[in-house]
Amino acid sequence: MRSWTAPAALLGLMLAACGPQSPEQAAIANIQDAAAAEAEAIESASKNQIGQIRAEADTLSGQAAIANGFEAERLRTRAEALRKDARIVERHAEARMRAVRDRARADVSALKAQ
């Protein structure tokens, strides 16, 4: 997951330094800042969750290396399922972040259209 909030925040700071904002510009900045904060929170939470899932998968893989027979197969299967789960969590977080950014763009467009 690539973070886009740092460039957006830098751009926001640069624009804020250019002079006073109109109420419309301030509202747009608020919408964009809120969206950036929400997307960053989603990314952070998902990275934590993904890290935990992958750590558990690694633990199970280590146990599978020690075990033998059906127990090893069962542990390897659970580890692979956890890795797939981590990929799903990552894709879900990316979709949620895209939705937040899209909603912010739509809100900004609606505000500009008024």
PDB file of N, CA and C in Angstrom:
ATOM      1  N   MET A   1       0.835  -1.167   0.000  1.00  0.00           N
ATOM      2  CA  MET A   1       0.000   0.000   0.000  1.00  0.00           C
ATOM      3  C   MET A   1       0.885   1.236   0.000  1.00  0.00           C
ATOM      4  N   ARG A   2       0.639   2.094  -0.906  1.00  0.00           N
ATOM      5  CA  ARG A   2       1.458   3.284  -1.062  1.00  0.00           C
ATOM      6  C   ARG A   2       0.750   4.449  -0.405  1.00  0.00           C
ATOM      7  N   SER A   3       1.470   5.169   0.381  1.00  0.00           N
ATOM      8  CA  SER A   3       0.894   6.303   1.084  1.00  0.00           C
ATOM      9  C   SER A   3       0.955   7.542   0.201  1.00  0.00           C
ATOM     10  N   TRP A   4      -0.154   8.184   0.031  1.00  0.00           N
ATOM     11  CA  TRP A   4      -0.229   9.399  -0.776  1.00  0.00           C
ATOM     12  C   TRP A   4      -0.448  10.605   0.115  1.00  0.00           C
ATOM     13  N   THR A   5      -0.535  10.391   1.424  1.00  0.00           N
ATOM     14  CA  THR A   5      -0.868  11.487   2.319  1.00  0.00           C
ATOM     15  C   THR A   5       0.276  12.474   2.494  1.00  0.00           C
ATOM     16  N   ALA A   6       1.520  12.011   2.466  1.00  0.00           N
ATOM     17  CA  ALA A   6       2.641  12.930   2.664  1.00  0.00           C
ATOM     18  C   ALA A   6       2.705  13.972   1.556  1.00  0.00           C
ATOM     19  N   PRO A   7       2.663  13.580   0.266  1.00  0.00           N
ATOM     20  CA  PRO A   7       2.671  14.613  -0.772  1.00  0.00           C
ATOM     21  C   PRO A   7       1.453  15.531  -0.693  1.00  0.00           C
ATOM     22  N   ALA A   8       0.307  14.965  -0.342  1.00  0.00           N
ATOM     23  CA  ALA A   8      -0.907  15.774  -0.241  1.00  0.00           C
ATOM     24  C   ALA A   8      -0.786  16.766   0.915  1.00  0.00           C
ATOM     25  N   ALA A   9      -0.226  16.323   2.026  1.00  0.00           N
ATOM     26  CA  ALA A   9      -0.059  17.211   3.177  1.00  0.00           C
ATOM     27  C   ALA A   9       0.938  18.325   2.850  1.00  0.00           C
ATOM     28  N   LEU A  10       2.015  17.985   2.169  1.00  0.00           N
ATOM     29  CA  LEU A  10       3.002  18.986   1.782  1.00  0.00           C
ATOM     30  C   LEU A  10       2.379  20.019   0.849  1.00  0.00           C
ATOM     31  N   LEU A  11       1.615  19.558  -0.108  1.00  0.00           N
ATOM     32  CA  LEU A  11       0.938  20.469  -1.025  1.00  0.00           C
ATOM     33  C   LEU A  11      -0.023  21.371  -0.258  1.00  0.00           C
ATOM     34  N   GLY A  12      -0.746  20.786   0.696  1.00  0.00           N
ATOM     35  CA  GLY A  12      -1.671  21.572   1.504  1.00  0.00           C
ATOM     36  C   GLY A  12      -0.964  22.652   2.297  1.00  0.00           C
ATOM     37  N   LEU A  13       0.193  22.315   2.867  1.00  0.00           N
ATOM     38  CA  LEU A  13       0.961  23.309   3.624  1.00  0.00           C
ATOM     39  C   LEU A  13       1.479  24.416   2.713  1.00  0.00           C
ATOM     40  N   MET A  14       1.917  24.044   1.531  1.00  0.00           N
ATOM     41  CA  MET A  14       2.414  25.045   0.592  1.00  0.00           C
ATOM     42  C   MET A  14       1.296  25.984   0.165  1.00  0.00           C
ATOM     43  N   LEU A  15       0.126  25.431  -0.093  1.00  0.00           N
ATOM     44  CA  LEU A  15      -0.995  26.273  -0.506  1.00  0.00           C
ATOM     45  C   LEU A  15      -1.470  27.162   0.641  1.00  0.00           C
ATOM     46  N   ALA A  16      -1.420  26.636   1.854  1.00  0.00           N
ATOM     47  CA  ALA A  16      -1.857  27.426   3.001  1.00  0.00           C
ATOM     48  C   ALA A  16      -0.950  28.632   3.218  1.00  0.00           C
ATOM     49  N   ALA A  17       0.297  28.491   2.889  1.00  0.00           N
ATOM     50  CA  ALA A  17       1.246  29.585   3.072  1.00  0.00           C
ATOM     51  C   ALA A  17       1.113  30.665   2.009  1.00  0.00           C
ATOM     52  N   CYS A  18       0.346  30.420   0.971  1.00  0.00           N
ATOM     53  CA  CYS A  18       0.229  31.369  -0.139  1.00  0.00           C
ATOM     54  C   CYS A  18      -0.668  32.554   0.166  1.00  0.00           C
ATOM     55  N   GLY A  19      -1.397  32.525   1.256  1.00  0.00           N
ATOM     56  CA  GLY A  19      -2.247  33.653   1.581  1.00  0.00           C
ATOM     57  C   GLY A  19      -3.560  33.205   2.174  1.00  0.00           C
ATOM     58  N   PRO A  20      -4.445  34.157   2.411  1.00  0.00           N
ATOM     59  CA  PRO A  20      -5.723  33.816   3.028  1.00  0.00           C
ATOM     60  C   PRO A  20      -6.584  32.961   2.093  1.00  0.00           C
ATOM     61  N   GLN A  21      -7.347  32.092   2.707  1.00  0.00           N
ATOM     62  CA  GLN A  21      -8.215  31.213   1.941  1.00  0.00           C
ATOM     63  C   GLN A  21      -9.646  31.740   1.970  1.00  0.00           C
ATOM     64  N   SER A  22     -10.328  31.482   0.890  1.00  0.00           N
ATOM     65  CA  SER A  22     -11.753  31.787   0.870  1.00  0.00           C
ATOM     66  C   SER A  22     -12.451  30.702   1.690  1.00  0.00           C
ATOM     67  N   PRO A  23     -13.696  30.940   2.078  1.00  0.00           N
ATOM     68  CA  PRO A  23     -14.431  29.903   2.807  1.00  0.00           C
ATOM     69  C   PRO A  23     -14.527  28.599   2.009  1.00  0.00           C
ATOM     70  N   GLU A  24     -14.652  28.736   0.697  1.00  0.00           N
ATOM     71  CA  GLU A  24     -14.724  27.528  -0.138  1.00  0.00           C
ATOM     72  C   GLU A  24     -13.400  26.771  -0.099  1.00  0.00           C
ATOM     73  N   GLN A  25     -12.308  27.488  -0.201  1.00  0.00           N
ATOM     74  CA  GLN A  25     -10.990  26.852  -0.153  1.00  0.00           C
ATOM     75  C   GLN A  25     -10.743  26.200   1.208  1.00  0.00           C
ATOM     76  N   ALA A  26     -11.195  26.859   2.266  1.00  0.00           N
ATOM     77  CA  ALA A  26     -11.037  26.295   3.608  1.00  0.00           C
ATOM     78  C   ALA A  26     -11.852  25.011   3.747  1.00  0.00           C
ATOM     79  N   ALA A  27     -13.066  25.010   3.217  1.00  0.00           N
ATOM     80  CA  ALA A  27     -13.910  23.811   3.283  1.00  0.00           C
ATOM     81  C   ALA A  27     -13.282  22.679   2.483  1.00  0.00           C
ATOM     82  N   ILE A  28     -12.736  23.004   1.326  1.00  0.00           N
ATOM     83  CA  ILE A  28     -12.072  21.996   0.500  1.00  0.00           C
ATOM     84  C   ILE A  28     -10.866  21.424   1.246  1.00  0.00           C
ATOM     85  N   ALA A  29     -10.094  22.297   1.859  1.00  0.00           N
ATOM     86  CA  ALA A  29      -8.924  21.841   2.616  1.00  0.00           C
ATOM     87  C   ALA A  29      -9.344  20.937   3.765  1.00  0.00           C
ATOM     88  N   ASN A  30     -10.435  21.301   4.438  1.00  0.00           N
ATOM     89  CA  ASN A  30     -10.935  20.472   5.541  1.00  0.00           C
ATOM     90  C   ASN A  30     -11.354  19.093   5.048  1.00  0.00           C
ATOM     91  N   ILE A  31     -12.046  19.053   3.918  1.00  0.00           N
ATOM     92  CA  ILE A  31     -12.483  17.770   3.346  1.00  0.00           C
ATOM     93  C   ILE A  31     -11.266  16.920   3.001  1.00  0.00           C
ATOM     94  N   GLN A  32     -10.289  17.527   2.360  1.00  0.00           N
ATOM     95  CA  GLN A  32      -9.097  16.788   1.950  1.00  0.00           C
ATOM     96  C   GLN A  32      -8.274  16.328   3.155  1.00  0.00           C
ATOM     97  N   ASP A  33      -8.166  17.176   4.168  1.00  0.00           N
ATOM     98  CA  ASP A  33      -7.423  16.804   5.372  1.00  0.00           C
ATOM     99  C   ASP A  33      -8.110  15.652   6.102  1.00  0.00           C
ATOM    100  N   ALA A  34      -9.431  15.721   6.197  1.00  0.00           N
ATOM    101  CA  ALA A  34     -10.173  14.650   6.863  1.00  0.00           C
ATOM    102  C   ALA A  34     -10.027  13.331   6.106  1.00  0.00           C
ATOM    103  N   ALA A  35     -10.085  13.402   4.787  1.00  0.00           N
ATOM    104  CA  ALA A  35      -9.926  12.196   3.975  1.00  0.00           C
ATOM    105  C   ALA A  35      -8.520  11.625   4.119  1.00  0.00           C
ATOM    106  N   ALA A  36      -7.534  12.485   4.135  1.00  0.00           N
ATOM    107  CA  ALA A  36      -6.150  12.017   4.291  1.00  0.00           C
ATOM    108  C   ALA A  36      -5.966  11.355   5.653  1.00  0.00           C
ATOM    109  N   ALA A  37      -6.521  11.952   6.688  1.00  0.00           N
ATOM    110  CA  ALA A  37      -6.402  11.375   8.032  1.00  0.00           C
ATOM    111  C   ALA A  37      -7.115  10.029   8.115  1.00  0.00           C
ATOM    112  N   GLU A  38      -8.299   9.948   7.517  1.00  0.00           N
ATOM    113  CA  GLU A  38      -9.049   8.691   7.540  1.00  0.00           C
ATOM    114  C   GLU A  38      -8.319   7.599   6.757  1.00  0.00           C
ATOM    115  N   ALA A  39      -7.796   7.956   5.602  1.00  0.00           N
ATOM    116  CA  ALA A  39      -7.049   6.977   4.791  1.00  0.00           C
ATOM    117  C   ALA A  39      -5.798   6.510   5.529  1.00  0.00           C
ATOM    118  N   GLU A  40      -5.130   7.426   6.197  1.00  0.00           N
ATOM    119  CA  GLU A  40      -3.928   7.061   6.951  1.00  0.00           C
ATOM    120  C   GLU A  40      -4.271   6.137   8.120  1.00  0.00           C
ATOM    121  N   ALA A  41      -5.398   6.394   8.784  1.00  0.00           N
ATOM    122  CA  ALA A  41      -5.827   5.529   9.883  1.00  0.00           C
ATOM    123  C   ALA A  41      -6.159   4.126   9.372  1.00  0.00           C
ATOM    124  N   ILE A  42      -6.820   4.058   8.235  1.00  0.00           N
ATOM    125  CA  ILE A  42      -7.145   2.760   7.633  1.00  0.00           C
ATOM    126  C   ILE A  42      -5.868   2.009   7.296  1.00  0.00           C
ATOM    127  N   GLU A  43      -4.919   2.701   6.691  1.00  0.00           N
ATOM    128  CA  GLU A  43      -3.658   2.073   6.301  1.00  0.00           C
ATOM    129  C   GLU A  43      -2.895   1.569   7.522  1.00  0.00           C
ATOM    130  N   SER A  44      -2.824   2.384   8.545  1.00  0.00           N
ATOM    131  CA  SER A  44      -2.103   2.006   9.754  1.00  0.00           C
ATOM    132  C   SER A  44      -2.738   0.785  10.421  1.00  0.00           C
ATOM    133  N   ALA A  45      -4.050   0.805  10.560  1.00  0.00           N
ATOM    134  CA  ALA A  45      -4.747  -0.318  11.195  1.00  0.00           C
ATOM    135  C   ALA A  45      -4.570  -1.596  10.391  1.00  0.00           C
ATOM    136  N   SER A  46      -4.662  -1.476   9.072  1.00  0.00           N
ATOM    137  CA  SER A  46      -4.520  -2.674   8.241  1.00  0.00           C
ATOM    138  C   SER A  46      -3.100  -3.218   8.290  1.00  0.00           C
ATOM    139  N   LYS A  47      -2.101  -2.338   8.326  1.00  0.00           N
ATOM    140  CA  LYS A  47      -0.720  -2.807   8.418  1.00  0.00           C
ATOM    141  C   LYS A  47      -0.493  -3.559   9.722  1.00  0.00           C
ATOM    142  N   ASN A  48      -1.059  -3.058  10.811  1.00  0.00           N
ATOM    143  CA  ASN A  48      -0.941  -3.760  12.089  1.00  0.00           C
ATOM    144  C   ASN A  48      -1.597  -5.145  12.013  1.00  0.00           C
ATOM    145  N   GLN A  49      -2.796  -5.184  11.466  1.00  0.00           N
ATOM    146  CA  GLN A  49      -3.525  -6.450  11.363  1.00  0.00           C
ATOM    147  C   GLN A  49      -2.784  -7.426  10.445  1.00  0.00           C
ATOM    148  N   ILE A  50      -2.299  -6.935   9.334  1.00  0.00           N
ATOM    149  CA  ILE A  50      -1.566  -7.786   8.388  1.00  0.00           C
ATOM    150  C   ILE A  50      -0.292  -8.320   9.041  1.00  0.00           C
ATOM    151  N   GLY A  51       0.390  -7.485   9.781  1.00  0.00           N
ATOM    152  CA  GLY A  51       1.599  -7.916  10.476  1.00  0.00           C
ATOM    153  C   GLY A  51       1.322  -9.037  11.467  1.00  0.00           C
ATOM    154  N   GLN A  52       0.231  -8.909  12.204  1.00  0.00           N
ATOM    155  CA  GLN A  52      -0.143  -9.952  13.161  1.00  0.00           C
ATOM    156  C   GLN A  52      -0.483 -11.257  12.454  1.00  0.00           C
ATOM    157  N   ILE A  53      -1.234 -11.157  11.373  1.00  0.00           N
ATOM    158  CA  ILE A  53      -1.629 -12.355  10.627  1.00  0.00           C
ATOM    159  C   ILE A  53      -0.399 -13.047  10.054  1.00  0.00           C
ATOM    160  N   ARG A  54       0.490 -12.273   9.462  1.00  0.00           N
ATOM    161  CA  ARG A  54       1.698 -12.865   8.860  1.00  0.00           C
ATOM    162  C   ARG A  54       2.615 -13.457   9.926  1.00  0.00           C
ATOM    163  N   ALA A  55       2.690 -12.828  11.090  1.00  0.00           N
ATOM    164  CA  ALA A  55       3.511 -13.380  12.174  1.00  0.00           C
ATOM    165  C   ALA A  55       2.957 -14.735  12.611  1.00  0.00           C
ATOM    166  N   GLU A  56       1.646 -14.824  12.711  1.00  0.00           N
ATOM    167  CA  GLU A  56       1.033 -16.099  13.072  1.00  0.00           C
ATOM    168  C   GLU A  56       1.298 -17.153  11.999  1.00  0.00           C
ATOM    169  N   ALA A  57       1.227 -16.751  10.725  1.00  0.00           N
ATOM    170  CA  ALA A  57       1.506 -17.682   9.628  1.00  0.00           C
ATOM    171  C   ALA A  57       2.954 -18.162   9.691  1.00  0.00           C
ATOM    172  N   ASP A  58       3.878 -17.258   9.999  1.00  0.00           N
ATOM    173  CA  ASP A  58       5.283 -17.645  10.110  1.00  0.00           C
ATOM    174  C   ASP A  58       5.498 -18.622  11.269  1.00  0.00           C
ATOM    175  N   THR A  59       4.813 -18.377  12.368  1.00  0.00           N
ATOM    176  CA  THR A  59       4.910 -19.282  13.516  1.00  0.00           C
ATOM    177  C   THR A  59       4.423 -20.674  13.138  1.00  0.00           C
ATOM    178  N   LEU A  60       3.287 -20.721  12.452  1.00  0.00           N
ATOM    179  CA  LEU A  60       2.750 -22.017  12.036  1.00  0.00           C
ATOM    180  C   LEU A  60       3.681 -22.713  11.048  1.00  0.00           C
ATOM    181  N   SER A  61       4.295 -21.955  10.155  1.00  0.00           N
ATOM    182  CA  SER A  61       5.249 -22.546   9.207  1.00  0.00           C
ATOM    183  C   SER A  61       6.444 -23.142   9.944  1.00  0.00           C
ATOM    184  N   GLY A  62       6.906 -22.437  10.955  1.00  0.00           N
ATOM    185  CA  GLY A  62       8.010 -22.957  11.768  1.00  0.00           C
ATOM    186  C   GLY A  62       7.625 -24.241  12.488  1.00  0.00           C
ATOM    187  N   GLN A  63       6.415 -24.278  13.005  1.00  0.00           N
ATOM    188  CA  GLN A  63       5.936 -25.485  13.671  1.00  0.00           C
ATOM    189  C   GLN A  63       5.785 -26.628  12.678  1.00  0.00           C
ATOM    190  N   ALA A  64       5.348 -26.292  11.471  1.00  0.00           N
ATOM    191  CA  ALA A  64       5.183 -27.323  10.441  1.00  0.00           C
ATOM    192  C   ALA A  64       6.523 -27.933  10.056  1.00  0.00           C
ATOM    193  N   ALA A  65       7.588 -27.131  10.095  1.00  0.00           N
ATOM    194  CA  ALA A  65       8.912 -27.642   9.756  1.00  0.00           C
ATOM    195  C   ALA A  65       9.387 -28.662  10.788  1.00  0.00           C
ATOM    196  N   ILE A  66       8.940 -28.506  11.997  1.00  0.00           N
ATOM    197  CA  ILE A  66       9.328 -29.424  13.070  1.00  0.00           C
ATOM    198  C   ILE A  66       8.445 -30.668  13.076  1.00  0.00           C
ATOM    199  N   ALA A  67       7.157 -30.456  12.819  1.00  0.00           N
ATOM    200  CA  ALA A  67       6.193 -31.566  12.861  1.00  0.00           C
ATOM    201  C   ALA A  67       6.380 -32.464  11.643  1.00  0.00           C
ATOM    202  N   ASN A  68       5.664 -33.571  11.661  1.00  0.00           N
ATOM    203  CA  ASN A  68       5.702 -34.463  10.505  1.00  0.00           C
ATOM    204  C   ASN A  68       4.323 -35.062  10.267  1.00  0.00           C
ATOM    205  N   GLY A  69       4.150 -35.611   9.101  1.00  0.00           N
ATOM    206  CA  GLY A  69       2.905 -36.283   8.759  1.00  0.00           C
ATOM    207  C   GLY A  69       1.756 -35.315   8.571  1.00  0.00           C
ATOM    208  N   PHE A  70       0.599 -35.759   9.027  1.00  0.00           N
ATOM    209  CA  PHE A  70      -0.631 -34.976   8.850  1.00  0.00           C
ATOM    210  C   PHE A  70      -0.609 -33.675   9.641  1.00  0.00           C
ATOM    211  N   GLU A  71       0.031 -33.702  10.796  1.00  0.00           N
ATOM    212  CA  GLU A  71       0.124 -32.484  11.607  1.00  0.00           C
ATOM    213  C   GLU A  71       0.888 -31.392  10.843  1.00  0.00           C
ATOM    214  N   ALA A  72       1.981 -31.750  10.194  1.00  0.00           N
ATOM    215  CA  ALA A  72       2.755 -30.779   9.411  1.00  0.00           C
ATOM    216  C   ALA A  72       1.927 -30.261   8.244  1.00  0.00           C
ATOM    217  N   GLU A  73       1.207 -31.140   7.591  1.00  0.00           N
ATOM    218  CA  GLU A  73       0.362 -30.721   6.468  1.00  0.00           C
ATOM    219  C   GLU A  73      -0.725 -29.765   6.932  1.00  0.00           C
ATOM    220  N   ARG A  74      -1.327 -30.075   8.073  1.00  0.00           N
ATOM    221  CA  ARG A  74      -2.377 -29.217   8.631  1.00  0.00           C
ATOM    222  C   ARG A  74      -1.820 -27.838   8.968  1.00  0.00           C
ATOM    223  N   LEU A  75      -0.641 -27.776   9.562  1.00  0.00           N
ATOM    224  CA  LEU A  75      -0.028 -26.501   9.923  1.00  0.00           C
ATOM    225  C   LEU A  75       0.353 -25.685   8.687  1.00  0.00           C
ATOM    226  N   ARG A  76       0.899 -26.354   7.672  1.00  0.00           N
ATOM    227  CA  ARG A  76       1.241 -25.649   6.425  1.00  0.00           C
ATOM    228  C   ARG A  76      -0.018 -25.085   5.766  1.00  0.00           C
ATOM    229  N   THR A  77      -1.107 -25.853   5.791  1.00  0.00           N
ATOM    230  CA  THR A  77      -2.371 -25.401   5.198  1.00  0.00           C
ATOM    231  C   THR A  77      -2.911 -24.177   5.933  1.00  0.00           C
ATOM    232  N   ARG A  78      -2.852 -24.208   7.264  1.00  0.00           N
ATOM    233  CA  ARG A  78      -3.318 -23.053   8.047  1.00  0.00           C
ATOM    234  C   ARG A  78      -2.440 -21.831   7.791  1.00  0.00           C
ATOM    235  N   ALA A  79      -1.133 -22.041   7.676  1.00  0.00           N
ATOM    236  CA  ALA A  79      -0.225 -20.919   7.411  1.00  0.00           C
ATOM    237  C   ALA A  79      -0.529 -20.285   6.058  1.00  0.00           C
ATOM    238  N   GLU A  80      -0.753 -21.116   5.054  1.00  0.00           N
ATOM    239  CA  GLU A  80      -1.079 -20.581   3.723  1.00  0.00           C
ATOM    240  C   GLU A  80      -2.423 -19.848   3.744  1.00  0.00           C
ATOM    241  N   ALA A  81      -3.385 -20.385   4.479  1.00  0.00           N
ATOM    242  CA  ALA A  81      -4.689 -19.717   4.593  1.00  0.00           C
ATOM    243  C   ALA A  81      -4.533 -18.349   5.268  1.00  0.00           C
ATOM    244  N   LEU A  82      -3.675 -18.274   6.266  1.00  0.00           N
ATOM    245  CA  LEU A  82      -3.443 -16.989   6.925  1.00  0.00           C
ATOM    246  C   LEU A  82      -2.765 -15.995   5.982  1.00  0.00           C
ATOM    247  N   ARG A  83      -1.843 -16.471   5.174  1.00  0.00           N
ATOM    248  CA  ARG A  83      -1.195 -15.573   4.202  1.00  0.00           C
ATOM    249  C   ARG A  83      -2.214 -15.042   3.191  1.00  0.00           C
ATOM    250  N   LYS A  84      -3.122 -15.904   2.759  1.00  0.00           N
ATOM    251  CA  LYS A  84      -4.186 -15.455   1.851  1.00  0.00           C
ATOM    252  C   LYS A  84      -5.083 -14.449   2.553  1.00  0.00           C
ATOM    253  N   ASP A  85      -5.373 -14.701   3.819  1.00  0.00           N
ATOM    254  CA  ASP A  85      -6.195 -13.778   4.602  1.00  0.00           C
ATOM    255  C   ASP A  85      -5.523 -12.409   4.682  1.00  0.00           C
ATOM    256  N   ALA A  86      -4.212 -12.397   4.878  1.00  0.00           N
ATOM    257  CA  ALA A  86      -3.481 -11.130   4.941  1.00  0.00           C
ATOM    258  C   ALA A  86      -3.588 -10.380   3.615  1.00  0.00           C
ATOM    259  N   ARG A  87      -3.511 -11.101   2.506  1.00  0.00           N
ATOM    260  CA  ARG A  87      -3.644 -10.445   1.192  1.00  0.00           C
ATOM    261  C   ARG A  87      -5.053  -9.869   1.027  1.00  0.00           C
ATOM    262  N   ILE A  88      -6.055 -10.581   1.524  1.00  0.00           N
ATOM    263  CA  ILE A  88      -7.431 -10.084   1.434  1.00  0.00           C
ATOM    264  C   ILE A  88      -7.593  -8.829   2.289  1.00  0.00           C
ATOM    265  N   VAL A  89      -7.041  -8.842   3.486  1.00  0.00           N
ATOM    266  CA  VAL A  89      -7.114  -7.665   4.366  1.00  0.00           C
ATOM    267  C   VAL A  89      -6.440  -6.477   3.685  1.00  0.00           C
ATOM    268  N   GLU A  90      -5.309  -6.734   3.023  1.00  0.00           N
ATOM    269  CA  GLU A  90      -4.601  -5.656   2.324  1.00  0.00           C
ATOM    270  C   GLU A  90      -5.448  -5.087   1.187  1.00  0.00           C
ATOM    271  N   ARG A  91      -6.033  -5.957   0.387  1.00  0.00           N
ATOM    272  CA  ARG A  91      -6.877  -5.484  -0.725  1.00  0.00           C
ATOM    273  C   ARG A  91      -8.098  -4.727  -0.204  1.00  0.00           C
ATOM    274  N   HIS A  92      -8.679  -5.212   0.896  1.00  0.00           N
ATOM    275  CA  HIS A  92      -9.844  -4.539   1.481  1.00  0.00           C
ATOM    276  C   HIS A  92      -9.466  -3.142   1.966  1.00  0.00           C
ATOM    277  N   ALA A  93      -8.310  -3.031   2.601  1.00  0.00           N
ATOM    278  CA  ALA A  93      -7.861  -1.715   3.075  1.00  0.00           C
ATOM    279  C   ALA A  93      -7.623  -0.773   1.905  1.00  0.00           C
ATOM    280  N   GLU A  94      -7.012  -1.285   0.849  1.00  0.00           N
ATOM    281  CA  GLU A  94      -6.783  -0.446  -0.331  1.00  0.00           C
ATOM    282  C   GLU A  94      -8.104   0.039  -0.921  1.00  0.00           C
ATOM    283  N   ALA A  95      -9.099  -0.846  -0.960  1.00  0.00           N
ATOM    284  CA  ALA A  95     -10.410  -0.465  -1.490  1.00  0.00           C
ATOM    285  C   ALA A  95     -11.065   0.588  -0.595  1.00  0.00           C
ATOM    286  N   ARG A  96     -10.940   0.420   0.708  1.00  0.00           N
ATOM    287  CA  ARG A  96     -11.513   1.402   1.634  1.00  0.00           C
ATOM    288  C   ARG A  96     -10.827   2.759   1.491  1.00  0.00           C
ATOM    289  N   MET A  97      -9.495   2.750   1.322  1.00  0.00           N
ATOM    290  CA  MET A  97      -8.775   4.015   1.143  1.00  0.00           C
ATOM    291  C   MET A  97      -9.171   4.678  -0.168  1.00  0.00           C
ATOM    292  N   ARG A  98      -9.334   3.882  -1.223  1.00  0.00           N
ATOM    293  CA  ARG A  98      -9.793   4.440  -2.508  1.00  0.00           C
ATOM    294  C   ARG A  98     -11.172   5.056  -2.350  1.00  0.00           C
ATOM    295  N   ALA A  99     -12.055   4.380  -1.611  1.00  0.00           N
ATOM    296  CA  ALA A  99     -13.405   4.898  -1.402  1.00  0.00           C
ATOM    297  C   ALA A  99     -13.375   6.223  -0.640  1.00  0.00           C
ATOM    298  N   VAL A 100     -12.511   6.320   0.340  1.00  0.00           N
ATOM    299  CA  VAL A 100     -12.383   7.568   1.106  1.00  0.00           C
ATOM    300  C   VAL A 100     -11.910   8.696   0.193  1.00  0.00           C
ATOM    301  N   ARG A 101     -10.894   8.418  -0.625  1.00  0.00           N
ATOM    302  CA  ARG A 101     -10.389   9.446  -1.548  1.00  0.00           C
ATOM    303  C   ARG A 101     -11.445   9.827  -2.583  1.00  0.00           C
ATOM    304  N   ASP A 102     -12.161   8.833  -3.110  1.00  0.00           N
ATOM    305  CA  ASP A 102     -13.210   9.111  -4.095  1.00  0.00           C
ATOM    306  C   ASP A 102     -14.333   9.945  -3.483  1.00  0.00           C
ATOM    307  N   ARG A 103     -14.696   9.610  -2.234  1.00  0.00           N
ATOM    308  CA  ARG A 103     -15.750  10.384  -1.563  1.00  0.00           C
ATOM    309  C   ARG A 103     -15.288  11.825  -1.365  1.00  0.00           C
ATOM    310  N   ALA A 104     -14.030  12.014  -0.997  1.00  0.00           N
ATOM    311  CA  ALA A 104     -13.515  13.369  -0.809  1.00  0.00           C
ATOM    312  C   ALA A 104     -13.528  14.134  -2.122  1.00  0.00           C
ATOM    313  N   ARG A 105     -13.120  13.470  -3.210  1.00  0.00           N
ATOM    314  CA  ARG A 105     -13.166  14.138  -4.531  1.00  0.00           C
ATOM    315  C   ARG A 105     -14.586  14.528  -4.901  1.00  0.00           C
ATOM    316  N   ALA A 106     -15.532  13.638  -4.623  1.00  0.00           N
ATOM    317  CA  ALA A 106     -16.941  13.932  -4.932  1.00  0.00           C
ATOM    318  C   ALA A 106     -17.443  15.088  -4.078  1.00  0.00           C
ATOM    319  N   ASP A 107     -17.071  15.101  -2.800  1.00  0.00           N
ATOM    320  CA  ASP A 107     -17.504  16.203  -1.938  1.00  0.00           C
ATOM    321  C   ASP A 107     -16.902  17.526  -2.393  1.00  0.00           C
ATOM    322  N   VAL A 108     -15.641  17.511  -2.801  1.00  0.00           N
ATOM    323  CA  VAL A 108     -14.985  18.723  -3.293  1.00  0.00           C
ATOM    324  C   VAL A 108     -15.669  19.191  -4.574  1.00  0.00           C
ATOM    325  N   SER A 109     -15.953  18.258  -5.462  1.00  0.00           N
ATOM    326  CA  SER A 109     -16.634  18.625  -6.718  1.00  0.00           C
ATOM    327  C   SER A 109     -18.005  19.219  -6.443  1.00  0.00           C
ATOM    328  N   ALA A 110     -18.727  18.624  -5.505  1.00  0.00           N
ATOM    329  CA  ALA A 110     -20.057  19.144  -5.165  1.00  0.00           C
ATOM    330  C   ALA A 110     -19.951  20.545  -4.568  1.00  0.00           C
ATOM    331  N   LEU A 111     -18.937  20.756  -3.755  1.00  0.00           N
ATOM    332  CA  LEU A 111     -18.744  22.072  -3.137  1.00  0.00           C
ATOM    333  C   LEU A 111     -18.391  23.115  -4.197  1.00  0.00           C
ATOM    334  N   LYS A 112     -17.547  22.720  -5.156  1.00  0.00           N
ATOM    335  CA  LYS A 112     -17.182  23.653  -6.219  1.00  0.00           C
ATOM    336  C   LYS A 112     -18.356  23.957  -7.124  1.00  0.00           C
ATOM    337  N   ALA A 113     -19.265  23.010  -7.274  1.00  0.00           N
ATOM    338  CA  ALA A 113     -20.418  23.182  -8.166  1.00  0.00           C
ATOM    339  C   ALA A 113     -21.465  24.118  -7.567  1.00  0.00           C
ATOM    340  N   GLN A 114     -21.398  24.356  -6.285  1.00  0.00           N
ATOM    341  CA  GLN A 114     -22.415  25.209  -5.646  1.00  0.00           C
ATOM    342  C   GLN A 114     -22.212  26.667  -5.985  1.00  0.00           C
TER     343      GLN A 114
END
